[in-house]
Amino acid sequence: MKTFNLYRHPELGLEAVKEGFSWPAFFFGIIWMVYKKLWKYAGIWFAIYITLAFVENAVKSGGVDSGMKATYDIMILMGYLLIMLIPAFKGNSWRQTRLLEKGYVLEKTVKASTPDQAQQAGQSS
């Protein structure tokens, strides 16, 4: 069972947000952020991704001393890993903050297997 926070909006209804690690955010990154309407974070991640791509291209095109190439390659790899891991660990809390900013109120926390089951538990009580 997973833990979900249920947020209610008077006009927009109920939203369930899982606590903890987000596998969809890990695998789909920017696409997940856009789907969840986390525009600010999607823009930041897009800019970081483009910057990493430019740095990677500069390293590969020979604009860097060959002795430092391995170091830059490791740093670029770490950068790509970070842009995958940070949304996975922080994405659900970003969603919760966004919902609060839109006028949702934390109603309760429930245990469920899926977001739909969590919403059903919130509607039944």
N, C-alpha and C. Protein backbone atom coordinates (compact mmCIF):
# COMPACT_ATOMS: atom_id res chain seq x y z
N MET A 1 0.83 -1.19 0.00
CA MET A 1 0.00 0.00 0.00
C MET A 1 0.87 1.25 0.00
N LYS A 2 0.40 2.24 -0.71
CA LYS A 2 1.10 3.53 -0.78
C LYS A 2 0.31 4.56 0.01
N THR A 3 0.99 5.62 0.38
CA THR A 3 0.35 6.70 1.12
C THR A 3 0.05 7.85 0.16
N PHE A 4 -1.19 8.30 0.17
CA PHE A 4 -1.62 9.40 -0.69
C PHE A 4 -2.18 10.53 0.16
N ASN A 5 -1.87 11.75 -0.24
CA ASN A 5 -2.50 12.93 0.36
C ASN A 5 -3.63 13.33 -0.56
N LEU A 6 -4.80 13.54 0.02
CA LEU A 6 -5.96 13.94 -0.76
C LEU A 6 -6.19 15.44 -0.60
N TYR A 7 -6.28 16.11 -1.72
CA TYR A 7 -6.51 17.55 -1.75
C TYR A 7 -7.85 17.81 -2.40
N ARG A 8 -8.64 18.70 -1.78
CA ARG A 8 -9.96 19.01 -2.31
C ARG A 8 -10.04 20.49 -2.66
N HIS A 9 -10.64 20.74 -3.83
CA HIS A 9 -10.92 22.10 -4.28
C HIS A 9 -12.43 22.21 -4.40
N PRO A 10 -13.03 23.34 -3.98
CA PRO A 10 -14.49 23.46 -4.01
C PRO A 10 -15.09 23.31 -5.41
N GLU A 11 -14.36 23.70 -6.44
CA GLU A 11 -14.89 23.61 -7.80
C GLU A 11 -14.22 22.52 -8.64
N LEU A 12 -12.95 22.27 -8.39
CA LEU A 12 -12.19 21.35 -9.23
C LEU A 12 -12.17 19.92 -8.72
N GLY A 13 -12.68 19.70 -7.52
CA GLY A 13 -12.79 18.33 -7.02
C GLY A 13 -11.60 17.85 -6.22
N LEU A 14 -11.37 16.54 -6.32
CA LEU A 14 -10.40 15.85 -5.47
C LEU A 14 -9.18 15.43 -6.29
N GLU A 15 -8.01 15.60 -5.71
CA GLU A 15 -6.74 15.15 -6.31
C GLU A 15 -6.00 14.31 -5.28
N ALA A 16 -5.44 13.20 -5.75
CA ALA A 16 -4.63 12.34 -4.88
C ALA A 16 -3.17 12.43 -5.32
N VAL A 17 -2.29 12.70 -4.37
CA VAL A 17 -0.86 12.82 -4.66
C VAL A 17 -0.12 11.84 -3.75
N LYS A 18 0.64 10.94 -4.38
CA LYS A 18 1.40 9.94 -3.63
C LYS A 18 2.56 10.62 -2.91
N GLU A 19 2.84 10.14 -1.73
CA GLU A 19 4.00 10.63 -0.99
C GLU A 19 5.22 9.85 -1.45
N GLY A 20 6.37 10.53 -1.49
CA GLY A 20 7.63 9.84 -1.77
C GLY A 20 8.03 9.83 -3.23
N PHE A 21 8.82 8.83 -3.58
CA PHE A 21 9.46 8.70 -4.90
C PHE A 21 8.42 8.56 -6.00
N SER A 22 8.66 9.24 -7.13
CA SER A 22 7.76 9.17 -8.28
C SER A 22 8.47 8.49 -9.45
N TRP A 23 8.09 7.26 -9.74
CA TRP A 23 8.69 6.55 -10.87
C TRP A 23 8.37 7.22 -12.20
N PRO A 24 7.14 7.69 -12.42
CA PRO A 24 6.88 8.38 -13.70
C PRO A 24 7.76 9.62 -13.87
N ALA A 25 8.00 10.37 -12.80
CA ALA A 25 8.87 11.55 -12.90
C ALA A 25 10.30 11.12 -13.21
N PHE A 26 10.73 9.99 -12.69
CA PHE A 26 12.07 9.48 -12.96
C PHE A 26 12.23 9.11 -14.43
N PHE A 27 11.27 8.36 -14.97
CA PHE A 27 11.40 7.86 -16.33
C PHE A 27 11.02 8.88 -17.40
N PHE A 28 10.07 9.77 -17.11
CA PHE A 28 9.55 10.67 -18.15
C PHE A 28 9.92 12.13 -17.93
N GLY A 29 10.48 12.49 -16.79
CA GLY A 29 11.03 13.82 -16.53
C GLY A 29 10.17 14.98 -16.98
N ILE A 30 10.65 15.70 -17.99
CA ILE A 30 9.98 16.90 -18.46
C ILE A 30 8.56 16.59 -18.95
N ILE A 31 8.38 15.48 -19.62
CA ILE A 31 7.03 15.11 -20.10
C ILE A 31 6.08 14.96 -18.92
N TRP A 32 6.53 14.33 -17.85
CA TRP A 32 5.71 14.17 -16.63
C TRP A 32 5.40 15.55 -16.04
N MET A 33 6.40 16.43 -15.98
CA MET A 33 6.19 17.77 -15.42
C MET A 33 5.15 18.54 -16.23
N VAL A 34 5.21 18.46 -17.55
CA VAL A 34 4.23 19.14 -18.39
C VAL A 34 2.85 18.53 -18.18
N TYR A 35 2.76 17.21 -18.13
CA TYR A 35 1.48 16.52 -17.91
C TYR A 35 0.84 16.94 -16.58
N LYS A 36 1.68 17.13 -15.56
CA LYS A 36 1.19 17.52 -14.24
C LYS A 36 1.10 19.04 -14.08
N LYS A 37 1.37 19.77 -15.17
CA LYS A 37 1.28 21.23 -15.22
C LYS A 37 2.25 21.92 -14.26
N LEU A 38 3.42 21.35 -14.14
CA LEU A 38 4.49 21.94 -13.35
C LEU A 38 5.38 22.74 -14.29
N TRP A 39 4.81 23.82 -14.85
CA TRP A 39 5.44 24.58 -15.92
C TRP A 39 6.80 25.14 -15.52
N LYS A 40 6.88 25.72 -14.34
CA LYS A 40 8.13 26.33 -13.89
C LYS A 40 9.26 25.30 -13.88
N TYR A 41 9.00 24.15 -13.30
CA TYR A 41 10.02 23.12 -13.21
C TYR A 41 10.35 22.53 -14.58
N ALA A 42 9.35 22.38 -15.43
CA ALA A 42 9.60 21.88 -16.78
C ALA A 42 10.51 22.84 -17.54
N GLY A 43 10.29 24.14 -17.39
CA GLY A 43 11.14 25.13 -18.04
C GLY A 43 12.56 25.09 -17.51
N ILE A 44 12.69 24.99 -16.20
CA ILE A 44 14.03 24.91 -15.60
C ILE A 44 14.74 23.66 -16.08
N TRP A 45 14.04 22.52 -16.08
CA TRP A 45 14.67 21.27 -16.49
C TRP A 45 15.02 21.29 -17.96
N PHE A 46 14.19 21.93 -18.78
CA PHE A 46 14.49 22.04 -20.20
C PHE A 46 15.78 22.84 -20.39
N ALA A 47 15.91 23.97 -19.67
CA ALA A 47 17.11 24.80 -19.77
C ALA A 47 18.35 24.03 -19.30
N ILE A 48 18.22 23.28 -18.22
CA ILE A 48 19.35 22.48 -17.73
C ILE A 48 19.73 21.41 -18.76
N TYR A 49 18.73 20.76 -19.32
CA TYR A 49 18.99 19.72 -20.30
C TYR A 49 19.70 20.30 -21.53
N ILE A 50 19.24 21.45 -22.02
CA ILE A 50 19.87 22.09 -23.17
C ILE A 50 21.31 22.48 -22.85
N THR A 51 21.53 23.01 -21.65
CA THR A 51 22.88 23.38 -21.23
C THR A 51 23.79 22.16 -21.20
N LEU A 52 23.30 21.08 -20.63
CA LEU A 52 24.10 19.85 -20.60
C LEU A 52 24.40 19.34 -22.01
N ALA A 53 23.43 19.46 -22.89
CA ALA A 53 23.63 19.01 -24.28
C ALA A 53 24.71 19.86 -24.96
N PHE A 54 24.69 21.18 -24.72
CA PHE A 54 25.72 22.05 -25.29
C PHE A 54 27.11 21.70 -24.75
N VAL A 55 27.19 21.49 -23.45
CA VAL A 55 28.47 21.13 -22.83
C VAL A 55 28.95 19.79 -23.39
N GLU A 56 28.05 18.84 -23.48
CA GLU A 56 28.42 17.53 -24.01
C GLU A 56 28.92 17.65 -25.45
N ASN A 57 28.23 18.47 -26.24
CA ASN A 57 28.65 18.67 -27.63
C ASN A 57 30.02 19.32 -27.70
N ALA A 58 30.28 20.30 -26.83
CA ALA A 58 31.59 20.96 -26.81
C ALA A 58 32.70 19.97 -26.44
N VAL A 59 32.41 19.10 -25.49
CA VAL A 59 33.41 18.11 -25.08
C VAL A 59 33.67 17.13 -26.22
N LYS A 60 32.62 16.67 -26.87
CA LYS A 60 32.78 15.69 -27.95
C LYS A 60 33.43 16.29 -29.19
N SER A 61 33.20 17.58 -29.45
CA SER A 61 33.74 18.19 -30.66
C SER A 61 35.22 18.55 -30.52
N GLY A 62 35.78 18.31 -29.36
CA GLY A 62 37.20 18.52 -29.19
C GLY A 62 37.55 19.89 -28.65
N GLY A 63 36.59 20.62 -28.15
CA GLY A 63 36.85 21.93 -27.60
C GLY A 63 37.45 21.88 -26.21
N VAL A 64 37.74 20.68 -25.73
CA VAL A 64 38.26 20.50 -24.37
C VAL A 64 39.56 19.71 -24.45
N ASP A 65 40.48 20.03 -23.58
CA ASP A 65 41.75 19.31 -23.46
C ASP A 65 41.46 17.82 -23.26
N SER A 66 42.15 16.98 -24.02
CA SER A 66 41.88 15.54 -23.95
C SER A 66 42.14 14.96 -22.57
N GLY A 67 43.02 15.55 -21.80
CA GLY A 67 43.28 15.07 -20.44
C GLY A 67 42.10 15.30 -19.51
N MET A 68 41.30 16.31 -19.80
CA MET A 68 40.14 16.63 -18.95
C MET A 68 38.84 16.02 -19.49
N LYS A 69 38.93 15.42 -20.68
CA LYS A 69 37.71 14.90 -21.31
C LYS A 69 36.99 13.89 -20.42
N ALA A 70 37.71 12.97 -19.82
CA ALA A 70 37.09 11.95 -18.96
C ALA A 70 36.41 12.60 -17.77
N THR A 71 37.04 13.62 -17.21
CA THR A 71 36.44 14.33 -16.07
C THR A 71 35.13 15.00 -16.48
N TYR A 72 35.15 15.67 -17.63
CA TYR A 72 33.94 16.32 -18.12
C TYR A 72 32.85 15.30 -18.44
N ASP A 73 33.25 14.17 -19.02
CA ASP A 73 32.26 13.12 -19.33
C ASP A 73 31.57 12.63 -18.05
N ILE A 74 32.35 12.44 -16.99
CA ILE A 74 31.76 12.00 -15.72
C ILE A 74 30.84 13.08 -15.15
N MET A 75 31.26 14.34 -15.25
CA MET A 75 30.42 15.44 -14.75
C MET A 75 29.12 15.54 -15.54
N ILE A 76 29.19 15.35 -16.85
CA ILE A 76 27.98 15.39 -17.68
C ILE A 76 27.06 14.23 -17.32
N LEU A 77 27.63 13.04 -17.15
CA LEU A 77 26.84 11.88 -16.73
C LEU A 77 26.15 12.14 -15.40
N MET A 78 26.88 12.72 -14.45
CA MET A 78 26.30 13.05 -13.14
C MET A 78 25.17 14.08 -13.31
N GLY A 79 25.35 15.03 -14.20
CA GLY A 79 24.31 16.02 -14.46
C GLY A 79 23.04 15.38 -14.98
N TYR A 80 23.19 14.47 -15.96
CA TYR A 80 22.02 13.77 -16.49
C TYR A 80 21.34 12.92 -15.41
N LEU A 81 22.14 12.28 -14.58
CA LEU A 81 21.58 11.48 -13.50
C LEU A 81 20.79 12.37 -12.52
N LEU A 82 21.35 13.52 -12.20
CA LEU A 82 20.65 14.44 -11.30
C LEU A 82 19.35 14.95 -11.89
N ILE A 83 19.33 15.26 -13.19
CA ILE A 83 18.08 15.77 -13.76
C ILE A 83 17.03 14.67 -13.87
N MET A 84 17.43 13.43 -13.67
CA MET A 84 16.46 12.34 -13.57
C MET A 84 16.03 12.11 -12.12
N LEU A 85 16.97 12.19 -11.20
CA LEU A 85 16.68 11.84 -9.80
C LEU A 85 15.93 12.94 -9.04
N ILE A 86 16.28 14.19 -9.25
CA ILE A 86 15.65 15.26 -8.47
C ILE A 86 14.13 15.28 -8.66
N PRO A 87 13.61 15.25 -9.90
CA PRO A 87 12.14 15.21 -10.03
C PRO A 87 11.52 13.96 -9.42
N ALA A 88 12.24 12.84 -9.48
CA ALA A 88 11.71 11.61 -8.91
C ALA A 88 11.53 11.72 -7.41
N PHE A 89 12.46 12.40 -6.74
CA PHE A 89 12.37 12.56 -5.29
C PHE A 89 11.51 13.76 -4.88
N LYS A 90 11.50 14.81 -5.67
CA LYS A 90 10.81 16.05 -5.28
C LYS A 90 9.50 16.30 -6.03
N GLY A 91 9.25 15.57 -7.10
CA GLY A 91 8.11 15.84 -7.97
C GLY A 91 6.76 15.85 -7.27
N ASN A 92 6.52 14.88 -6.41
CA ASN A 92 5.22 14.83 -5.73
C ASN A 92 5.06 15.99 -4.75
N SER A 93 6.13 16.41 -4.12
CA SER A 93 6.01 17.58 -3.23
C SER A 93 5.80 18.85 -4.06
N TRP A 94 6.38 18.93 -5.26
CA TRP A 94 6.11 20.06 -6.15
C TRP A 94 4.64 20.08 -6.53
N ARG A 95 4.06 18.92 -6.80
CA ARG A 95 2.63 18.85 -7.14
C ARG A 95 1.77 19.32 -5.97
N GLN A 96 2.13 18.89 -4.75
CA GLN A 96 1.36 19.29 -3.59
C GLN A 96 1.40 20.81 -3.40
N THR A 97 2.56 21.39 -3.58
CA THR A 97 2.70 22.84 -3.46
C THR A 97 1.86 23.54 -4.51
N ARG A 98 1.88 23.04 -5.73
CA ARG A 98 1.09 23.63 -6.81
C ARG A 98 -0.41 23.56 -6.50
N LEU A 99 -0.86 22.43 -5.98
CA LEU A 99 -2.27 22.30 -5.63
C LEU A 99 -2.67 23.30 -4.54
N LEU A 100 -1.83 23.45 -3.53
CA LEU A 100 -2.11 24.42 -2.46
C LEU A 100 -2.17 25.84 -3.02
N GLU A 101 -1.29 26.16 -3.95
CA GLU A 101 -1.30 27.49 -4.57
C GLU A 101 -2.56 27.72 -5.39
N LYS A 102 -3.15 26.66 -5.94
CA LYS A 102 -4.37 26.78 -6.74
C LYS A 102 -5.64 26.78 -5.89
N GLY A 103 -5.49 26.70 -4.57
CA GLY A 103 -6.65 26.76 -3.71
C GLY A 103 -7.15 25.43 -3.19
N TYR A 104 -6.43 24.37 -3.45
CA TYR A 104 -6.79 23.07 -2.89
C TYR A 104 -6.44 23.07 -1.41
N VAL A 105 -7.15 22.24 -0.67
CA VAL A 105 -6.91 22.11 0.77
C VAL A 105 -6.63 20.63 1.06
N LEU A 106 -5.61 20.39 1.87
CA LEU A 106 -5.31 19.02 2.26
C LEU A 106 -6.46 18.50 3.11
N GLU A 107 -7.11 17.47 2.62
CA GLU A 107 -8.26 16.91 3.32
C GLU A 107 -7.84 15.82 4.29
N LYS A 108 -7.08 14.86 3.78
CA LYS A 108 -6.61 13.78 4.65
C LYS A 108 -5.57 12.95 3.91
N THR A 109 -4.98 12.04 4.65
CA THR A 109 -3.99 11.10 4.11
C THR A 109 -4.59 9.71 4.21
N VAL A 110 -4.47 8.95 3.10
CA VAL A 110 -5.04 7.60 3.07
C VAL A 110 -4.01 6.62 2.52
N LYS A 111 -4.23 5.35 2.81
CA LYS A 111 -3.42 4.26 2.24
C LYS A 111 -4.25 3.62 1.12
N ALA A 112 -3.62 3.46 -0.04
CA ALA A 112 -4.29 2.85 -1.17
C ALA A 112 -3.24 2.32 -2.14
N SER A 113 -3.68 1.53 -3.09
CA SER A 113 -2.77 0.98 -4.08
C SER A 113 -2.57 1.92 -5.27
N THR A 114 -3.63 2.66 -5.61
CA THR A 114 -3.59 3.55 -6.77
C THR A 114 -4.20 4.91 -6.41
N PRO A 115 -3.92 5.93 -7.21
CA PRO A 115 -4.56 7.24 -6.96
C PRO A 115 -6.09 7.17 -7.05
N ASP A 116 -6.61 6.35 -7.98
CA ASP A 116 -8.06 6.21 -8.08
C ASP A 116 -8.68 5.62 -6.83
N GLN A 117 -8.04 4.60 -6.26
CA GLN A 117 -8.53 4.02 -5.02
C GLN A 117 -8.45 5.04 -3.88
N ALA A 118 -7.41 5.85 -3.87
CA ALA A 118 -7.28 6.88 -2.84
C ALA A 118 -8.40 7.90 -2.98
N GLN A 119 -8.73 8.29 -4.21
CA GLN A 119 -9.83 9.24 -4.41
C GLN A 119 -11.17 8.63 -4.01
N GLN A 120 -11.36 7.36 -4.31
CA GLN A 120 -12.60 6.70 -3.90
C GLN A 120 -12.72 6.66 -2.38
N ALA A 121 -11.61 6.41 -1.71
CA ALA A 121 -11.62 6.40 -0.24
C ALA A 121 -11.94 7.80 0.28
N GLY A 122 -11.48 8.81 -0.39
CA GLY A 122 -11.77 10.19 0.03
C GLY A 122 -13.21 10.58 -0.23
N GLN A 123 -13.82 10.05 -1.27
CA GLN A 123 -15.20 10.37 -1.59
C GLN A 123 -16.18 9.63 -0.70
N SER A 124 -15.77 8.44 -0.25
CA SER A 124 -16.69 7.63 0.56
C SER A 124 -16.80 8.12 2.00
N SER A 125 -15.85 8.97 2.42
CA SER A 125 -15.93 9.44 3.82
C SER A 125 -16.32 10.88 3.90
